[in-house]
Amino acid sequence: MELPSRFYGIVDPAAGHEPVELAQVLLQAGVRILQLRLKETSGHVFLAAATRIGRLCRQRGSIFIVNDRADIAMLAEADGVHLGQRDIPLDAGRRVMGPHRIIGISTASVEMARVAEAGGADYIGFGPMYQGGLKNIKVAQGLEKLRAVRAAVKIPIVAIGGITEATMPEVLAAGADAAAIITDVIKAPDIAAKVRTLIGISDAA
């Protein structure tokens, strides 16, 4: 697949934002690919949010990805699902999602990236790139490992983990097709302005 943007938006309620309202802000600011990430919520609430956000994405022609839950992705008519290493396996995800929907896989090594590509993933997430961020990362992968992964696989790479407006250009220059940024966005005083800045940086990279 070809990613529609070098900025990969993520809806995460960690800073207290209501997910659907946050999705509206991100989409209105120009986000072209959007993932819904609800780690600490019930399936009922997750599905309700996914259904509403999926509708917003379709109205704007943006790609909608659901994190972790292939069942919710299908019920919400999402474009795809993003699976972590502890979620259902890629082959099982493909059986649920079918041949035409998108599946992204989280990876943290060259070996994981190669396995994901060989298994039919449409793109990989790679990280965490830097210390800090939403998960208070202590051990980061860094740019050299990103370059190694870029050399090892042909499918798109979405870098994630501690990336900010300041570090986004070097991440893209090191081989990421897109950067997923959470904390620097959801904690910004003006989220829409931050997203427009990030999209501008990604367009110029």
Protein backbone atom coordinates (compact mmCIF):
# COMPACT_ATOMS: atom_id res chain seq x y z
CA MET A 1 0.00 0.00 0.00
CA GLU A 2 0.95 3.64 -0.29
CA LEU A 3 0.28 5.77 2.75
CA PRO A 4 -1.76 8.90 1.95
CA SER A 5 0.32 11.13 4.20
CA ARG A 6 3.66 11.17 6.03
CA PHE A 7 1.83 12.16 9.22
CA TYR A 8 -0.11 9.31 10.81
CA GLY A 9 -2.72 10.62 13.24
CA ILE A 10 -3.72 8.72 16.38
CA VAL A 11 -6.77 9.29 18.55
CA ASP A 12 -5.75 8.52 22.14
CA PRO A 13 -7.66 9.79 25.19
CA ALA A 14 -4.56 9.90 27.43
CA ALA A 15 -4.75 13.68 27.83
CA GLY A 16 -8.46 13.61 28.64
CA HIS A 17 -9.91 14.35 25.22
CA GLU A 18 -13.17 12.70 24.18
CA PRO A 19 -12.20 10.40 21.28
CA VAL A 20 -14.82 11.45 18.73
CA GLU A 21 -14.23 15.14 19.39
CA LEU A 22 -10.46 14.64 19.10
CA ALA A 23 -10.94 12.76 15.83
CA GLN A 24 -13.00 15.66 14.47
CA VAL A 25 -10.22 18.12 15.29
CA LEU A 26 -7.56 15.92 13.68
CA LEU A 27 -9.59 15.32 10.53
CA GLN A 28 -10.53 18.97 10.15
CA ALA A 29 -6.83 19.86 10.46
CA GLY A 30 -6.07 17.62 7.49
CA VAL A 31 -5.21 14.15 8.80
CA ARG A 32 -5.48 11.59 5.99
CA ILE A 33 -4.86 8.39 7.95
CA LEU A 34 -6.23 8.07 11.48
CA GLN A 35 -5.93 5.31 14.07
CA LEU A 36 -8.26 4.90 17.05
CA ARG A 37 -6.32 3.70 20.07
CA LEU A 38 -8.44 2.91 23.15
CA LYS A 39 -6.39 0.69 25.44
CA GLU A 40 -8.36 1.09 28.67
CA THR A 41 -11.99 0.88 27.67
CA SER A 42 -14.76 -1.65 27.22
CA GLY A 43 -15.56 -3.24 23.88
CA HIS A 44 -18.95 -1.53 23.95
CA VAL A 45 -17.46 1.95 24.28
CA PHE A 46 -14.69 1.14 21.80
CA LEU A 47 -17.19 0.01 19.16
CA ALA A 48 -19.40 3.06 19.64
CA ALA A 49 -16.46 5.42 19.21
CA ALA A 50 -15.09 3.46 16.25
CA THR A 51 -18.44 3.51 14.48
CA ARG A 52 -18.75 7.30 14.80
CA ILE A 53 -15.12 8.01 13.90
CA GLY A 54 -15.29 5.63 10.95
CA ARG A 55 -18.22 7.61 9.60
CA LEU A 56 -16.28 10.87 9.97
CA CYS A 57 -13.28 9.39 8.14
CA ARG A 58 -15.44 8.17 5.26
CA GLN A 59 -17.00 11.63 4.94
CA ARG A 60 -13.53 13.15 4.56
CA GLY A 61 -11.98 10.40 2.48
CA SER A 62 -9.45 9.55 5.19
CA ILE A 63 -8.20 6.05 5.99
CA PHE A 64 -9.49 4.70 9.31
CA ILE A 65 -7.49 2.14 11.29
CA VAL A 66 -8.59 0.49 14.55
CA ASN A 67 -5.87 -0.46 17.04
CA ASP A 68 -5.70 -4.02 18.41
CA ARG A 69 -9.27 -5.14 17.71
CA ALA A 70 -9.99 -6.77 14.34
CA ASP A 71 -13.56 -7.54 15.41
CA ILE A 72 -14.29 -3.89 16.16
CA ALA A 73 -12.55 -2.84 12.94
CA MET A 74 -14.90 -5.03 10.94
CA LEU A 75 -18.04 -4.03 12.82
CA ALA A 76 -17.17 -0.33 12.42
CA GLU A 77 -16.40 -0.83 8.71
CA ALA A 78 -12.86 0.47 9.23
CA ASP A 79 -10.30 0.38 6.45
CA GLY A 80 -7.96 -1.70 8.56
CA VAL A 81 -6.55 -2.83 11.88
CA HIS A 82 -3.20 -2.32 13.58
CA LEU A 83 -2.00 -5.34 15.56
CA GLY A 84 0.64 -5.47 18.26
CA GLN A 85 2.89 -8.42 19.00
CA ARG A 86 0.51 -9.54 21.78
CA ASP A 87 -2.65 -9.26 19.70
CA ILE A 88 -4.03 -11.98 17.44
CA PRO A 89 -1.46 -13.23 14.89
CA LEU A 90 -1.23 -11.65 11.46
CA ASP A 91 -2.65 -14.70 9.67
CA ALA A 92 -5.65 -14.74 12.00
CA GLY A 93 -6.11 -11.01 11.49
CA ARG A 94 -6.13 -11.55 7.74
CA ARG A 95 -8.83 -14.21 8.06
CA VAL A 96 -10.97 -11.76 10.01
CA MET A 97 -10.25 -8.70 7.86
CA GLY A 98 -10.23 -10.33 4.44
CA PRO A 99 -7.79 -9.76 1.59
CA HIS A 100 -8.55 -6.13 0.84
CA ARG A 101 -8.44 -4.39 4.22
CA ILE A 102 -5.25 -2.96 5.69
CA ILE A 103 -3.26 -4.70 8.41
CA GLY A 104 -0.40 -2.95 10.17
CA ILE A 105 1.92 -4.77 12.57
CA SER A 106 3.94 -3.29 15.45
CA THR A 107 7.61 -4.24 15.28
CA ALA A 108 10.74 -3.52 17.30
CA SER A 109 13.48 -5.26 15.32
CA VAL A 110 14.65 -6.15 11.83
CA GLU A 111 13.55 -9.75 12.43
CA MET A 112 10.02 -8.73 13.44
CA ALA A 113 9.80 -6.43 10.42
CA ARG A 114 10.84 -9.20 8.03
CA VAL A 115 8.35 -11.65 9.57
CA ALA A 116 5.55 -9.09 9.24
CA GLU A 117 6.38 -8.40 5.60
CA ALA A 118 6.65 -12.10 4.76
CA GLY A 119 3.31 -12.71 6.48
CA GLY A 120 1.52 -10.18 4.30
CA ALA A 121 1.37 -7.05 6.47
CA ASP A 122 0.49 -3.92 4.50
CA TYR A 123 2.73 -1.73 6.66
CA ILE A 124 4.69 -1.94 9.88
CA GLY A 125 4.89 0.30 12.89
CA PHE A 126 8.45 0.57 14.21
CA GLY A 127 9.60 1.91 17.54
CA PRO A 128 9.75 3.23 20.10
CA MET A 129 12.00 5.76 18.41
CA TYR A 130 12.89 7.98 21.40
CA GLN A 131 12.80 7.99 25.17
CA GLY A 132 9.84 9.60 26.88
CA GLY A 133 6.53 9.96 25.10
CA LEU A 134 3.15 8.61 26.14
CA LYS A 135 4.58 5.39 27.64
CA ASN A 136 7.56 7.12 29.32
CA ILE A 137 9.90 5.00 27.22
CA LYS A 138 13.24 4.16 28.83
CA VAL A 139 14.90 2.20 26.01
CA ALA A 140 14.49 3.55 22.48
CA GLN A 141 15.28 2.02 19.09
CA GLY A 142 16.85 5.11 17.55
CA LEU A 143 17.58 6.19 14.00
CA GLU A 144 20.23 3.58 13.18
CA LYS A 145 17.85 0.70 13.85
CA LEU A 146 15.20 2.46 11.79
CA ARG A 147 17.67 2.67 8.90
CA ALA A 148 18.39 -1.06 9.28
CA VAL A 149 14.70 -1.89 9.13
CA ARG A 150 14.29 0.35 6.10
CA ALA A 151 17.03 -1.59 4.35
CA ALA A 152 15.42 -4.90 5.28
CA VAL A 153 11.81 -4.42 4.10
CA LYS A 154 9.97 -2.84 1.20
CA ILE A 155 6.57 -2.22 2.79
CA PRO A 156 5.82 1.18 4.38
CA ILE A 157 7.20 1.96 7.84
CA VAL A 158 5.31 4.12 10.34
CA ALA A 159 7.74 5.24 13.04
CA ILE A 160 6.28 5.77 16.52
CA GLY A 161 7.33 6.46 20.09
CA GLY A 162 8.45 9.78 21.53
CA ILE A 163 8.53 11.57 18.15
CA THR A 164 7.95 15.33 18.29
CA GLU A 165 7.73 18.23 15.89
CA ALA A 166 11.49 18.71 16.38
CA THR A 167 12.46 15.11 15.62
CA MET A 168 9.94 14.31 12.89
CA PRO A 169 12.23 15.46 10.03
CA GLU A 170 15.11 13.18 11.05
CA VAL A 171 12.77 10.21 11.43
CA LEU A 172 11.44 10.70 7.91
CA ALA A 173 14.96 11.23 6.58
CA ALA A 174 16.07 7.95 8.19
CA GLY A 175 13.56 5.98 6.13
CA ALA A 176 10.14 6.15 7.78
CA ASP A 177 7.30 6.60 5.33
CA ALA A 178 5.27 8.30 8.05
CA ALA A 179 5.55 9.37 11.67
CA ALA A 180 2.86 8.62 14.26
CA ILE A 181 2.84 11.26 16.98
CA ILE A 182 0.63 11.14 20.06
CA THR A 183 1.91 13.12 23.06
CA ASP A 184 3.19 16.15 21.17
CA VAL A 185 -0.25 16.42 19.55
CA ILE A 186 -2.71 15.66 22.33
CA LYS A 187 -0.89 17.87 24.84
CA ALA A 188 -0.54 20.82 22.46
CA PRO A 189 -2.36 24.04 23.49
CA ASP A 190 -3.83 24.18 19.96
CA ILE A 191 -4.11 20.66 18.56
CA ALA A 192 -5.30 21.73 15.12
CA ALA A 193 -2.41 24.17 14.72
CA LYS A 194 0.07 21.50 15.84
CA VAL A 195 -1.31 19.01 13.32
CA ARG A 196 -1.18 21.53 10.49
CA THR A 197 2.46 22.23 11.38
CA LEU A 198 3.30 18.51 11.41
CA ILE A 199 1.58 17.97 8.06
CA GLY A 200 3.56 20.89 6.66
CA ILE A 201 6.81 19.32 7.92
CA SER A 202 5.85 15.95 6.44
CA ASP A 203 4.96 17.49 3.08
CA ALA A 204 8.34 19.23 2.95
CA ALA A 205 10.35 16.14 3.95
